[in-house]
N, C-alpha and C. Protein backbone atom coordinates (compact mmCIF):
# COMPACT_ATOMS: atom_id res chain seq x y z
N UNK A 1 113.30 136.70 80.52
CA UNK A 1 113.45 135.29 80.87
C UNK A 1 113.71 134.48 79.60
N UNK A 2 114.61 133.54 79.76
CA UNK A 2 114.93 132.63 78.67
C UNK A 2 114.59 131.22 79.12
N UNK A 3 114.18 130.37 78.18
CA UNK A 3 113.88 128.98 78.49
C UNK A 3 114.67 128.08 77.55
N UNK A 4 115.33 127.08 78.13
CA UNK A 4 116.07 126.09 77.35
C UNK A 4 115.70 124.70 77.83
N UNK A 5 115.91 123.72 76.97
CA UNK A 5 115.71 122.32 77.35
C UNK A 5 117.01 121.58 77.10
N UNK A 6 117.48 120.90 78.13
CA UNK A 6 118.73 120.14 78.05
C UNK A 6 118.45 118.65 78.21
N UNK A 7 119.16 117.83 77.45
CA UNK A 7 119.10 116.38 77.63
C UNK A 7 120.05 116.01 78.76
N UNK A 8 119.56 115.22 79.71
CA UNK A 8 120.36 114.85 80.87
C UNK A 8 120.30 113.34 81.07
N UNK A 9 121.46 112.72 81.16
CA UNK A 9 121.56 111.27 81.38
C UNK A 9 121.78 110.98 82.86
N UNK A 10 121.25 109.86 83.32
CA UNK A 10 121.49 109.40 84.68
C UNK A 10 120.33 109.63 85.64
N UNK A 11 119.24 110.22 85.16
CA UNK A 11 118.08 110.47 86.03
C UNK A 11 117.15 109.25 85.97
N UNK A 12 116.67 108.82 87.17
CA UNK A 12 115.80 107.65 87.16
C UNK A 12 114.67 107.68 88.16
N UNK A 13 114.68 108.65 89.11
CA UNK A 13 113.68 108.60 90.18
C UNK A 13 113.37 110.00 90.71
N UNK A 14 112.48 110.06 91.68
CA UNK A 14 112.10 111.35 92.25
C UNK A 14 113.25 112.03 92.99
N UNK A 15 114.18 111.23 93.53
CA UNK A 15 115.35 111.84 94.16
C UNK A 15 116.14 112.63 93.12
N UNK A 16 116.27 112.08 91.92
CA UNK A 16 116.97 112.77 90.83
C UNK A 16 116.26 114.09 90.49
N UNK A 17 114.94 114.03 90.41
CA UNK A 17 114.15 115.22 90.11
C UNK A 17 114.39 116.29 91.17
N UNK A 18 114.27 115.90 92.43
CA UNK A 18 114.46 116.86 93.53
C UNK A 18 115.88 117.42 93.56
N UNK A 19 116.85 116.59 93.29
CA UNK A 19 118.24 117.00 93.31
C UNK A 19 118.50 118.07 92.24
N UNK A 20 118.06 117.81 91.04
CA UNK A 20 118.30 118.75 89.93
C UNK A 20 117.48 120.03 90.11
N UNK A 21 116.19 119.88 90.41
CA UNK A 21 115.36 121.08 90.57
C UNK A 21 115.84 121.93 91.74
N UNK A 22 116.31 121.30 92.81
CA UNK A 22 116.84 122.04 93.95
C UNK A 22 118.13 122.77 93.61
N UNK A 23 119.02 122.13 92.86
CA UNK A 23 120.27 122.76 92.46
C UNK A 23 120.02 123.97 91.57
N UNK A 24 119.05 123.84 90.68
CA UNK A 24 118.72 124.97 89.80
C UNK A 24 118.12 126.13 90.59
N UNK A 25 117.28 125.79 91.55
CA UNK A 25 116.67 126.84 92.39
C UNK A 25 117.75 127.61 93.16
N UNK A 26 118.76 126.89 93.63
CA UNK A 26 119.85 127.53 94.38
C UNK A 26 120.60 128.58 93.57
N UNK A 27 120.69 128.38 92.26
CA UNK A 27 121.41 129.35 91.43
C UNK A 27 120.46 130.38 90.79
N UNK A 28 119.18 130.30 91.11
CA UNK A 28 118.23 131.30 90.63
C UNK A 28 117.49 130.93 89.36
N UNK A 29 117.47 129.65 89.03
CA UNK A 29 116.75 129.19 87.85
C UNK A 29 115.57 128.32 88.29
N UNK A 30 114.64 128.12 87.38
CA UNK A 30 113.49 127.27 87.64
C UNK A 30 113.55 126.09 86.67
N UNK A 31 113.54 124.86 87.21
CA UNK A 31 113.67 123.69 86.35
C UNK A 31 112.48 122.75 86.46
N UNK A 32 112.19 122.08 85.35
CA UNK A 32 111.13 121.07 85.31
C UNK A 32 111.72 119.83 84.66
N UNK A 33 111.89 118.77 85.46
CA UNK A 33 112.51 117.53 84.98
C UNK A 33 111.46 116.62 84.38
N UNK A 34 111.79 116.03 83.21
CA UNK A 34 110.96 115.00 82.59
C UNK A 34 111.77 113.71 82.54
N UNK A 35 111.45 112.78 83.45
CA UNK A 35 112.18 111.51 83.47
C UNK A 35 111.98 110.71 82.18
N UNK A 36 110.74 110.59 81.65
CA UNK A 36 110.56 109.81 80.42
C UNK A 36 111.34 110.37 79.23
N UNK A 37 111.46 111.69 79.15
CA UNK A 37 112.17 112.31 78.03
C UNK A 37 113.65 112.51 78.30
N UNK A 38 114.09 112.21 79.53
CA UNK A 38 115.48 112.44 79.94
C UNK A 38 115.90 113.87 79.64
N UNK A 39 115.03 114.81 80.05
CA UNK A 39 115.32 116.21 79.78
C UNK A 39 114.94 117.10 80.96
N UNK A 40 115.50 118.30 80.94
CA UNK A 40 115.19 119.31 81.94
C UNK A 40 114.91 120.61 81.20
N UNK A 41 113.74 121.19 81.45
CA UNK A 41 113.40 122.48 80.87
C UNK A 41 113.65 123.53 81.94
N UNK A 42 114.46 124.52 81.59
CA UNK A 42 114.92 125.50 82.58
C UNK A 42 114.56 126.91 82.12
N UNK A 43 113.99 127.68 83.05
CA UNK A 43 113.73 129.11 82.82
C UNK A 43 114.68 129.90 83.71
N UNK A 44 115.30 130.93 83.13
CA UNK A 44 116.27 131.71 83.90
C UNK A 44 116.41 133.10 83.30
N UNK A 45 116.95 134.01 84.11
CA UNK A 45 117.24 135.37 83.68
C UNK A 45 118.62 135.37 83.03
N UNK A 46 118.66 135.55 81.72
CA UNK A 46 119.93 135.47 80.99
C UNK A 46 120.90 136.59 81.37
N UNK A 47 120.43 137.60 82.09
CA UNK A 47 121.33 138.66 82.58
C UNK A 47 122.09 138.20 83.82
N UNK A 48 121.55 137.19 84.53
CA UNK A 48 122.17 136.72 85.77
C UNK A 48 122.84 135.35 85.62
N UNK A 49 122.38 134.55 84.68
CA UNK A 49 122.89 133.19 84.49
C UNK A 49 123.16 132.93 83.02
N UNK A 50 124.03 131.95 82.75
CA UNK A 50 124.21 131.50 81.38
C UNK A 50 124.09 129.98 81.34
N UNK A 51 124.06 129.43 80.13
CA UNK A 51 123.86 128.00 79.97
C UNK A 51 124.99 127.18 80.61
N UNK A 52 126.20 127.70 80.56
CA UNK A 52 127.34 126.99 81.15
C UNK A 52 127.16 126.82 82.66
N UNK A 53 126.69 127.86 83.34
CA UNK A 53 126.47 127.78 84.79
C UNK A 53 125.37 126.79 85.13
N UNK A 54 124.35 126.73 84.28
CA UNK A 54 123.24 125.79 84.49
C UNK A 54 123.73 124.35 84.31
N UNK A 55 124.49 124.12 83.24
CA UNK A 55 125.04 122.77 83.02
C UNK A 55 125.92 122.35 84.18
N UNK A 56 126.73 123.27 84.67
CA UNK A 56 127.63 122.97 85.79
C UNK A 56 126.83 122.59 87.04
N UNK A 57 125.74 123.31 87.31
CA UNK A 57 124.92 123.01 88.48
C UNK A 57 124.32 121.61 88.39
N UNK A 58 123.90 121.22 87.21
CA UNK A 58 123.33 119.86 87.01
C UNK A 58 124.43 118.81 87.13
N UNK A 59 125.56 119.05 86.48
CA UNK A 59 126.65 118.08 86.52
C UNK A 59 127.24 117.94 87.91
N UNK A 60 127.20 119.00 88.71
CA UNK A 60 127.69 118.93 90.08
C UNK A 60 126.84 117.99 90.93
N UNK A 61 125.62 117.71 90.49
CA UNK A 61 124.75 116.77 91.20
C UNK A 61 125.01 115.32 90.77
N UNK A 62 125.90 115.13 89.80
CA UNK A 62 126.28 113.78 89.38
C UNK A 62 125.61 113.31 88.11
N UNK A 63 125.01 114.22 87.34
CA UNK A 63 124.32 113.84 86.10
C UNK A 63 125.10 114.37 84.91
N UNK A 64 124.87 113.78 83.75
CA UNK A 64 125.58 114.18 82.53
C UNK A 64 124.65 114.94 81.60
N UNK A 65 125.03 116.17 81.29
CA UNK A 65 124.30 116.95 80.29
C UNK A 65 124.90 116.59 78.94
N UNK A 66 124.05 116.11 78.03
CA UNK A 66 124.52 115.67 76.71
C UNK A 66 124.06 116.58 75.60
């Protein structure tokens, strides 16, 4: 398992948290959103996923990974 933290712009409420965490779960990752820090900490199996796929899943929800 690998863990990364990404800065994400555009998150402001619990809907944002649920949207991002749900999208990550769908691709097989586990995410923990921090609204105050504007970040998402993600744990994933690097044999099945890569950082690009994770960023794409977040951006597909309408948020910007910076």
